[in-house]
Amino acid sequence: MGSVKDYFSSLGAGIASLVKGMTVTGKEFVTPKLTEKYPENRDTVHVPDRFRAILELKYDAEGRHKCIACGICERNCPNGTISLSTKMVDTADGKKKRKLDKYMYDLGSCTFCQLCVSSCPQDAIEFCNDFEQAVFTREKLVKQLNYLPEKEEPAPSPEELARIQAEREAKIAAAKAAAAAKKAAAAAAEGIEAAEKAQGEKPVTEEPAKPVDKQ
C-alpha cells in the first residue's frame, strides 16, 4: 500500500514540475527577442559603459598621460598582466626623475578584476568597452598602452630658472654654514678637552736627599 502511495505522490510531483517548466518555456515564446544581429548592427549596437573590455591609458587633449610609473598596478595585478619599464631623465633643476618608458599589457591573461584601476593613485588608467579585440595570434594581444610619442617637458620660464638657482645657492650656503659650524664645534671641543687634560696633570717635584749618618 505504501509503495502505491509513493508512486502516485512522485507522479504528481513530476507532473507539477513539468507544468512549471512548460510555463517558463511558454513565456519565452511571447517574450521579445534580445538576440543581437552582430556584426550587421555594429553601428547601432549598445555596449554598456561599465563593460570592461581592454585596459588603456588616459590621454588628455595634448596627448599627455598621468602615469608616473609607480608600479602599483603592476604589483596588484594577480595574473602578471601588466609590465612596466622606466627610465631616468634630467629635469630643469638638475635633478633626476623617473618616467614611464613602456607600459605593456597582456589582454590574453587579464581577468578584468579592475584592481589596477582602483589602486592607481593618479587615476591614469581605465577600462574601455571596446570589445572588438579578436586577433589570430596571442602575441598580438600584448599591447603597449603608451603608444603616443612622449611629450617633452615644458621649458622653465626665466622666473623659474632664477628661483631654482636661488634655491640651489641657498642650499649650498646652508651646507657650508653647517660644515663650518660643525668644524668650529669640533675645534672648541678639542680645546676644552686639552684644557681639562692640562689642568688634571700635576707637576712632579724631586724629593730632597736624606743625609747619611756616618758612625
C-alpha atoms as a PDB file:
ATOM      1  CA  MET A   1       0.000   0.000   0.000  1.00  0.00           C
ATOM      2  CA  GLY A   2       2.846   2.344   0.841  1.00  0.00           C
ATOM      3  CA  SER A   3       4.599   1.772  -2.479  1.00  0.00           C
ATOM      4  CA  VAL A   4       1.451   2.657  -4.463  1.00  0.00           C
ATOM      5  CA  LYS A   5       1.048   5.851  -2.444  1.00  0.00           C
ATOM      6  CA  ASP A   6       4.669   6.793  -3.008  1.00  0.00           C
ATOM      7  CA  TYR A   7       4.294   6.102  -6.732  1.00  0.00           C
ATOM      8  CA  PHE A   8       1.317   8.426  -7.197  1.00  0.00           C
ATOM      9  CA  SER A   9       2.965  11.051  -4.970  1.00  0.00           C
ATOM     10  CA  SER A  10       6.082  11.016  -7.114  1.00  0.00           C
ATOM     11  CA  LEU A  11       3.967  11.074 -10.269  1.00  0.00           C
ATOM     12  CA  GLY A  12       2.068  14.123  -9.071  1.00  0.00           C
ATOM     13  CA  ALA A  13       5.315  15.939  -8.163  1.00  0.00           C
ATOM     14  CA  GLY A  14       6.746  15.136 -11.603  1.00  0.00           C
ATOM     15  CA  ILE A  15       3.653  16.461 -13.392  1.00  0.00           C
ATOM     16  CA  ALA A  16       3.715  19.646 -11.298  1.00  0.00           C
ATOM     17  CA  SER A  17       7.401  20.174 -12.113  1.00  0.00           C
ATOM     18  CA  LEU A  18       6.700  19.587 -15.817  1.00  0.00           C
ATOM     19  CA  VAL A  19       3.852  22.098 -15.816  1.00  0.00           C
ATOM     20  CA  LYS A  20       6.054  24.662 -14.072  1.00  0.00           C
ATOM     21  CA  GLY A  21       8.854  24.184 -16.603  1.00  0.00           C
ATOM     22  CA  MET A  22       6.478  24.386 -19.573  1.00  0.00           C
ATOM     23  CA  THR A  23       5.070  27.606 -18.116  1.00  0.00           C
ATOM     24  CA  VAL A  24       8.521  29.198 -18.128  1.00  0.00           C
ATOM     25  CA  THR A  25       9.158  27.877 -21.648  1.00  0.00           C
ATOM     26  CA  GLY A  26       5.772  29.124 -22.857  1.00  0.00           C
ATOM     27  CA  LYS A  27       6.555  32.659 -21.617  1.00  0.00           C
ATOM     28  CA  GLU A  28       9.729  32.716 -23.696  1.00  0.00           C
ATOM     29  CA  PHE A  29       7.679  32.164 -26.870  1.00  0.00           C
ATOM     30  CA  VAL A  30       5.922  35.513 -26.370  1.00  0.00           C
ATOM     31  CA  THR A  31       8.887  37.433 -24.894  1.00  0.00           C
ATOM     32  CA  PRO A  32      10.527  39.973 -27.258  1.00  0.00           C
ATOM     33  CA  LYS A  33      13.767  38.618 -28.678  1.00  0.00           C
ATOM     34  CA  LEU A  34      17.043  40.175 -27.481  1.00  0.00           C
ATOM     35  CA  THR A  35      19.382  38.475 -29.903  1.00  0.00           C
ATOM     36  CA  GLU A  36      21.858  40.930 -31.429  1.00  0.00           C
ATOM     37  CA  LYS A  37      22.463  40.693 -35.168  1.00  0.00           C
ATOM     38  CA  TYR A  38      26.161  41.300 -34.865  1.00  0.00           C
ATOM     39  CA  PRO A  39      28.095  42.387 -36.905  1.00  0.00           C
ATOM     40  CA  GLU A  40      25.242  43.665 -39.075  1.00  0.00           C
ATOM     41  CA  ASN A  41      24.181  46.099 -36.339  1.00  0.00           C
ATOM     42  CA  ARG A  42      27.725  47.135 -35.419  1.00  0.00           C
ATOM     43  CA  ASP A  43      26.916  50.822 -35.861  1.00  0.00           C
ATOM     44  CA  THR A  44      23.855  50.741 -33.621  1.00  0.00           C
ATOM     45  CA  VAL A  45      24.700  48.096 -31.024  1.00  0.00           C
ATOM     46  CA  HIS A  46      24.675  49.426 -27.471  1.00  0.00           C
ATOM     47  CA  VAL A  47      27.559  48.387 -25.225  1.00  0.00           C
ATOM     48  CA  PRO A  48      27.141  49.313 -21.531  1.00  0.00           C
ATOM     49  CA  ASP A  49      29.602  51.921 -20.294  1.00  0.00           C
ATOM     50  CA  ARG A  50      30.591  49.712 -17.346  1.00  0.00           C
ATOM     51  CA  PHE A  51      31.552  46.812 -19.604  1.00  0.00           C
ATOM     52  CA  ARG A  52      35.268  46.037 -19.203  1.00  0.00           C
ATOM     53  CA  ALA A  53      36.909  45.176 -22.490  1.00  0.00           C
ATOM     54  CA  ILE A  54      40.516  46.407 -22.510  1.00  0.00           C
ATOM     55  CA  LEU A  55      42.784  48.494 -20.313  1.00  0.00           C
ATOM     56  CA  GLU A  56      44.061  51.818 -21.630  1.00  0.00           C
ATOM     57  CA  LEU A  57      45.931  54.916 -20.500  1.00  0.00           C
ATOM     58  CA  LYS A  58      44.020  58.156 -20.117  1.00  0.00           C
ATOM     59  CA  TYR A  59      45.369  60.792 -22.508  1.00  0.00           C
ATOM     60  CA  ASP A  60      44.413  64.448 -22.338  1.00  0.00           C
ATOM     61  CA  ALA A  61      43.776  66.744 -25.291  1.00  0.00           C
ATOM     62  CA  GLU A  62      47.505  67.492 -25.609  1.00  0.00           C
ATOM     63  CA  GLY A  63      48.459  63.811 -25.791  1.00  0.00           C
ATOM     64  CA  ARG A  64      49.847  63.513 -22.248  1.00  0.00           C
ATOM     65  CA  HIS A  65      49.072  60.787 -19.738  1.00  0.00           C
ATOM     66  CA  LYS A  66      49.224  60.921 -15.944  1.00  0.00           C
ATOM     67  CA  CYS A  67      51.146  57.706 -15.304  1.00  0.00           C
ATOM     68  CA  ILE A  68      54.169  58.271 -13.030  1.00  0.00           C
ATOM     69  CA  ALA A  69      55.454  54.677 -13.326  1.00  0.00           C
ATOM     70  CA  CYS A  70      54.967  53.980  -9.615  1.00  0.00           C
ATOM     71  CA  GLY A  71      54.327  50.279 -10.332  1.00  0.00           C
ATOM     72  CA  ILE A  72      51.325  49.885  -8.004  1.00  0.00           C
ATOM     73  CA  CYS A  73      49.134  48.493 -10.795  1.00  0.00           C
ATOM     74  CA  GLU A  74      51.851  46.002 -11.746  1.00  0.00           C
ATOM     75  CA  ARG A  75      52.172  44.759  -8.157  1.00  0.00           C
ATOM     76  CA  ASN A  76      48.405  44.470  -7.627  1.00  0.00           C
ATOM     77  CA  CYS A  77      47.713  42.523 -10.828  1.00  0.00           C
ATOM     78  CA  PRO A  78      47.016  38.882  -9.810  1.00  0.00           C
ATOM     79  CA  ASN A  79      47.994  37.436 -13.203  1.00  0.00           C
ATOM     80  CA  GLY A  80      51.071  39.468 -14.060  1.00  0.00           C
ATOM     81  CA  THR A  81      49.202  41.095 -16.925  1.00  0.00           C
ATOM     82  CA  ILE A  82      50.953  44.460 -16.548  1.00  0.00           C
ATOM     83  CA  SER A  83      54.670  45.040 -17.039  1.00  0.00           C
ATOM     84  CA  LEU A  84      56.264  48.477 -16.656  1.00  0.00           C
ATOM     85  CA  SER A  85      59.711  49.666 -17.694  1.00  0.00           C
ATOM     86  CA  THR A  86      61.049  53.033 -16.599  1.00  0.00           C
ATOM     87  CA  LYS A  87      63.830  55.452 -17.473  1.00  0.00           C
ATOM     88  CA  MET A  88      65.628  58.266 -15.687  1.00  0.00           C
ATOM     89  CA  VAL A  89      65.633  61.767 -17.179  1.00  0.00           C
ATOM     90  CA  ASP A  90      67.216  65.057 -16.137  1.00  0.00           C
ATOM     91  CA  THR A  91      64.903  67.847 -15.088  1.00  0.00           C
ATOM     92  CA  ALA A  92      65.438  71.584 -15.497  1.00  0.00           C
ATOM     93  CA  ASP A  93      66.557  71.970 -11.879  1.00  0.00           C
ATOM     94  CA  GLY A  94      69.339  69.412 -12.334  1.00  0.00           C
ATOM     95  CA  LYS A  95      67.585  66.535 -10.577  1.00  0.00           C
ATOM     96  CA  LYS A  96      66.842  63.010 -11.744  1.00  0.00           C
ATOM     97  CA  LYS A  97      63.257  61.984 -12.450  1.00  0.00           C
ATOM     98  CA  ARG A  98      61.819  58.552 -13.165  1.00  0.00           C
ATOM     99  CA  LYS A  99      59.444  58.390 -16.113  1.00  0.00           C
ATOM    100  CA  LEU A 100      57.457  55.710 -17.900  1.00  0.00           C
ATOM    101  CA  ASP A 101      59.253  54.050 -20.788  1.00  0.00           C
ATOM    102  CA  LYS A 102      56.886  51.209 -21.789  1.00  0.00           C
ATOM    103  CA  TYR A 103      53.518  50.171 -20.373  1.00  0.00           C
ATOM    104  CA  MET A 104      52.924  46.598 -21.592  1.00  0.00           C
ATOM    105  CA  TYR A 105      49.515  44.946 -21.120  1.00  0.00           C
ATOM    106  CA  ASP A 106      48.624  41.321 -21.936  1.00  0.00           C
ATOM    107  CA  LEU A 107      44.930  41.211 -22.785  1.00  0.00           C
ATOM    108  CA  GLY A 108      45.033  37.421 -23.121  1.00  0.00           C
ATOM    109  CA  SER A 109      45.750  36.878 -19.415  1.00  0.00           C
ATOM    110  CA  CYS A 110      43.659  39.737 -17.996  1.00  0.00           C
ATOM    111  CA  THR A 111      40.759  38.764 -15.717  1.00  0.00           C
ATOM    112  CA  PHE A 112      39.254  42.297 -15.802  1.00  0.00           C
ATOM    113  CA  CYS A 113      39.220  42.431 -11.989  1.00  0.00           C
ATOM    114  CA  GLN A 114      39.953  46.201 -12.103  1.00  0.00           C
ATOM    115  CA  LEU A 115      42.392  46.065  -9.169  1.00  0.00           C
ATOM    116  CA  CYS A 116      44.859  48.054 -11.256  1.00  0.00           C
ATOM    117  CA  VAL A 117      42.335  50.824 -11.926  1.00  0.00           C
ATOM    118  CA  SER A 118      41.060  51.074  -8.366  1.00  0.00           C
ATOM    119  CA  SER A 119      44.579  51.189  -6.871  1.00  0.00           C
ATOM    120  CA  CYS A 120      46.091  53.747  -9.270  1.00  0.00           C
ATOM    121  CA  PRO A 121      46.926  56.883  -7.221  1.00  0.00           C
ATOM    122  CA  GLN A 122      46.974  59.125 -10.314  1.00  0.00           C
ATOM    123  CA  ASP A 123      43.751  57.864 -11.952  1.00  0.00           C
ATOM    124  CA  ALA A 124      45.847  57.254 -15.065  1.00  0.00           C
ATOM    125  CA  ILE A 125      44.233  54.047 -16.406  1.00  0.00           C
ATOM    126  CA  GLU A 126      40.738  52.811 -17.126  1.00  0.00           C
ATOM    127  CA  PHE A 127      38.837  50.012 -18.846  1.00  0.00           C
ATOM    128  CA  CYS A 128      37.086  50.940 -22.074  1.00  0.00           C
ATOM    129  CA  ASN A 129      34.166  48.993 -23.570  1.00  0.00           C
ATOM    130  CA  ASP A 130      35.737  48.365 -26.981  1.00  0.00           C
ATOM    131  CA  PHE A 131      35.139  44.604 -27.137  1.00  0.00           C
ATOM    132  CA  GLU A 132      36.334  44.087 -30.728  1.00  0.00           C
ATOM    133  CA  GLN A 133      39.781  42.727 -29.861  1.00  0.00           C
ATOM    134  CA  ALA A 134      39.786  39.410 -31.762  1.00  0.00           C
ATOM    135  CA  VAL A 135      43.156  38.503 -33.316  1.00  0.00           C
ATOM    136  CA  PHE A 136      44.688  35.394 -34.877  1.00  0.00           C
ATOM    137  CA  THR A 137      47.766  35.081 -32.634  1.00  0.00           C
ATOM    138  CA  ARG A 138      48.231  35.528 -28.898  1.00  0.00           C
ATOM    139  CA  GLU A 139      51.278  37.729 -29.454  1.00  0.00           C
ATOM    140  CA  LYS A 140      49.005  40.442 -30.825  1.00  0.00           C
ATOM    141  CA  LEU A 141      47.104  40.521 -27.528  1.00  0.00           C
ATOM    142  CA  VAL A 142      50.166  42.047 -25.851  1.00  0.00           C
ATOM    143  CA  LYS A 143      49.731  45.787 -26.287  1.00  0.00           C
ATOM    144  CA  GLN A 144      51.819  48.836 -25.422  1.00  0.00           C
ATOM    145  CA  LEU A 145      49.438  51.311 -23.826  1.00  0.00           C
ATOM    146  CA  ASN A 146      51.692  54.381 -24.081  1.00  0.00           C
ATOM    147  CA  TYR A 147      51.501  54.359 -27.864  1.00  0.00           C
ATOM    148  CA  LEU A 148      51.671  58.119 -28.394  1.00  0.00           C
ATOM    149  CA  PRO A 149      55.086  59.844 -28.699  1.00  0.00           C
ATOM    150  CA  GLU A 150      56.386  61.135 -25.393  1.00  0.00           C
ATOM    151  CA  LYS A 151      55.849  64.869 -24.969  1.00  0.00           C
ATOM    152  CA  GLU A 152      58.845  66.982 -23.989  1.00  0.00           C
ATOM    153  CA  GLU A 153      58.809  68.682 -20.641  1.00  0.00           C
ATOM    154  CA  PRO A 154      57.888  72.378 -20.937  1.00  0.00           C
ATOM    155  CA  ALA A 155      60.912  74.672 -20.724  1.00  0.00           C
ATOM    156  CA  PRO A 156      61.043  76.601 -17.435  1.00  0.00           C
ATOM    157  CA  SER A 157      60.451  80.331 -17.508  1.00  0.00           C
ATOM    158  CA  PRO A 158      63.217  82.827 -16.538  1.00  0.00           C
ATOM    159  CA  GLU A 159      61.500  83.349 -13.205  1.00  0.00           C
ATOM    160  CA  GLU A 160      61.534  79.610 -12.505  1.00  0.00           C
ATOM    161  CA  LEU A 161      65.195  79.364 -13.507  1.00  0.00           C
ATOM    162  CA  ALA A 162      66.055  82.249 -11.173  1.00  0.00           C
ATOM    163  CA  ARG A 163      64.102  80.599  -8.347  1.00  0.00           C
ATOM    164  CA  ILE A 164      65.832  77.256  -8.935  1.00  0.00           C
ATOM    165  CA  GLN A 165      69.252  78.943  -8.967  1.00  0.00           C
ATOM    166  CA  ALA A 166      68.438  80.864  -5.779  1.00  0.00           C
ATOM    167  CA  GLU A 167      67.296  77.681  -4.036  1.00  0.00           C
ATOM    168  CA  ARG A 168      70.451  75.884  -5.154  1.00  0.00           C
ATOM    169  CA  GLU A 169      72.697  78.682  -3.877  1.00  0.00           C
ATOM    170  CA  ALA A 170      70.773  78.789  -0.601  1.00  0.00           C
ATOM    171  CA  LYS A 171      71.251  75.034  -0.124  1.00  0.00           C
ATOM    172  CA  ILE A 172      74.988  75.349  -0.860  1.00  0.00           C
ATOM    173  CA  ALA A 173      75.335  78.255   1.584  1.00  0.00           C
ATOM    174  CA  ALA A 174      73.412  76.341   4.251  1.00  0.00           C
ATOM    175  CA  ALA A 175      75.609  73.282   3.729  1.00  0.00           C
ATOM    176  CA  LYS A 176      78.784  75.397   4.020  1.00  0.00           C
ATOM    177  CA  ALA A 177      77.488  77.102   7.150  1.00  0.00           C
ATOM    178  CA  ALA A 178      76.600  73.757   8.714  1.00  0.00           C
ATOM    179  CA  ALA A 179      80.052  72.372   7.858  1.00  0.00           C
ATOM    180  CA  ALA A 180      81.749  75.460   9.325  1.00  0.00           C
ATOM    181  CA  ALA A 181      79.650  75.246  12.485  1.00  0.00           C
ATOM    182  CA  LYS A 182      80.479  71.558  12.833  1.00  0.00           C
ATOM    183  CA  LYS A 183      84.169  72.285  12.373  1.00  0.00           C
ATOM    184  CA  ALA A 184      84.098  75.121  14.947  1.00  0.00           C
ATOM    185  CA  ALA A 185      82.251  72.906  17.414  1.00  0.00           C
ATOM    186  CA  ALA A 186      84.832  70.161  16.932  1.00  0.00           C
ATOM    187  CA  ALA A 187      87.693  72.657  17.457  1.00  0.00           C
ATOM    188  CA  ALA A 188      86.044  74.031  20.586  1.00  0.00           C
ATOM    189  CA  ALA A 189      85.569  70.523  21.932  1.00  0.00           C
ATOM    190  CA  GLU A 190      89.226  69.728  21.281  1.00  0.00           C
ATOM    191  CA  GLY A 191      90.278  72.958  23.087  1.00  0.00           C
ATOM    192  CA  ILE A 192      88.144  72.141  26.117  1.00  0.00           C
ATOM    193  CA  GLU A 193      89.482  68.597  26.212  1.00  0.00           C
ATOM    194  CA  ALA A 194      93.087  69.851  26.025  1.00  0.00           C
ATOM    195  CA  ALA A 195      92.454  72.391  28.801  1.00  0.00           C
ATOM    196  CA  GLU A 196      90.898  69.770  31.050  1.00  0.00           C
ATOM    197  CA  LYS A 197      93.796  67.427  30.392  1.00  0.00           C
ATOM    198  CA  ALA A 198      96.360  70.139  31.214  1.00  0.00           C
ATOM    199  CA  GLN A 199      94.519  71.076  34.367  1.00  0.00           C
ATOM    200  CA  GLY A 200      94.396  67.480  35.529  1.00  0.00           C
ATOM    201  CA  GLU A 201      98.185  66.950  35.242  1.00  0.00           C
ATOM    202  CA  LYS A 202     100.236  67.856  38.432  1.00  0.00           C
ATOM    203  CA  PRO A 203     103.953  68.940  38.348  1.00  0.00           C
ATOM    204  CA  VAL A 204     106.412  66.291  39.545  1.00  0.00           C
ATOM    205  CA  THR A 205     108.941  67.603  42.239  1.00  0.00           C
ATOM    206  CA  GLU A 206     112.084  65.844  43.300  1.00  0.00           C
ATOM    207  CA  GLU A 207     112.346  64.851  46.965  1.00  0.00           C
ATOM    208  CA  PRO A 208     115.435  66.177  48.835  1.00  0.00           C
ATOM    209  CA  ALA A 209     118.126  63.638  49.516  1.00  0.00           C
ATOM    210  CA  LYS A 210     118.266  62.323  53.062  1.00  0.00           C
ATOM    211  CA  PRO A 211     121.516  62.834  54.986  1.00  0.00           C
ATOM    212  CA  VAL A 212     123.539  59.730  55.591  1.00  0.00           C
ATOM    213  CA  ASP A 213     124.667  59.122  59.192  1.00  0.00           C
ATOM    214  CA  LYS A 214     128.340  58.222  59.454  1.00  0.00           C
ATOM    215  CA  GLN A 215     129.468  56.421  62.546  1.00  0.00           C
END
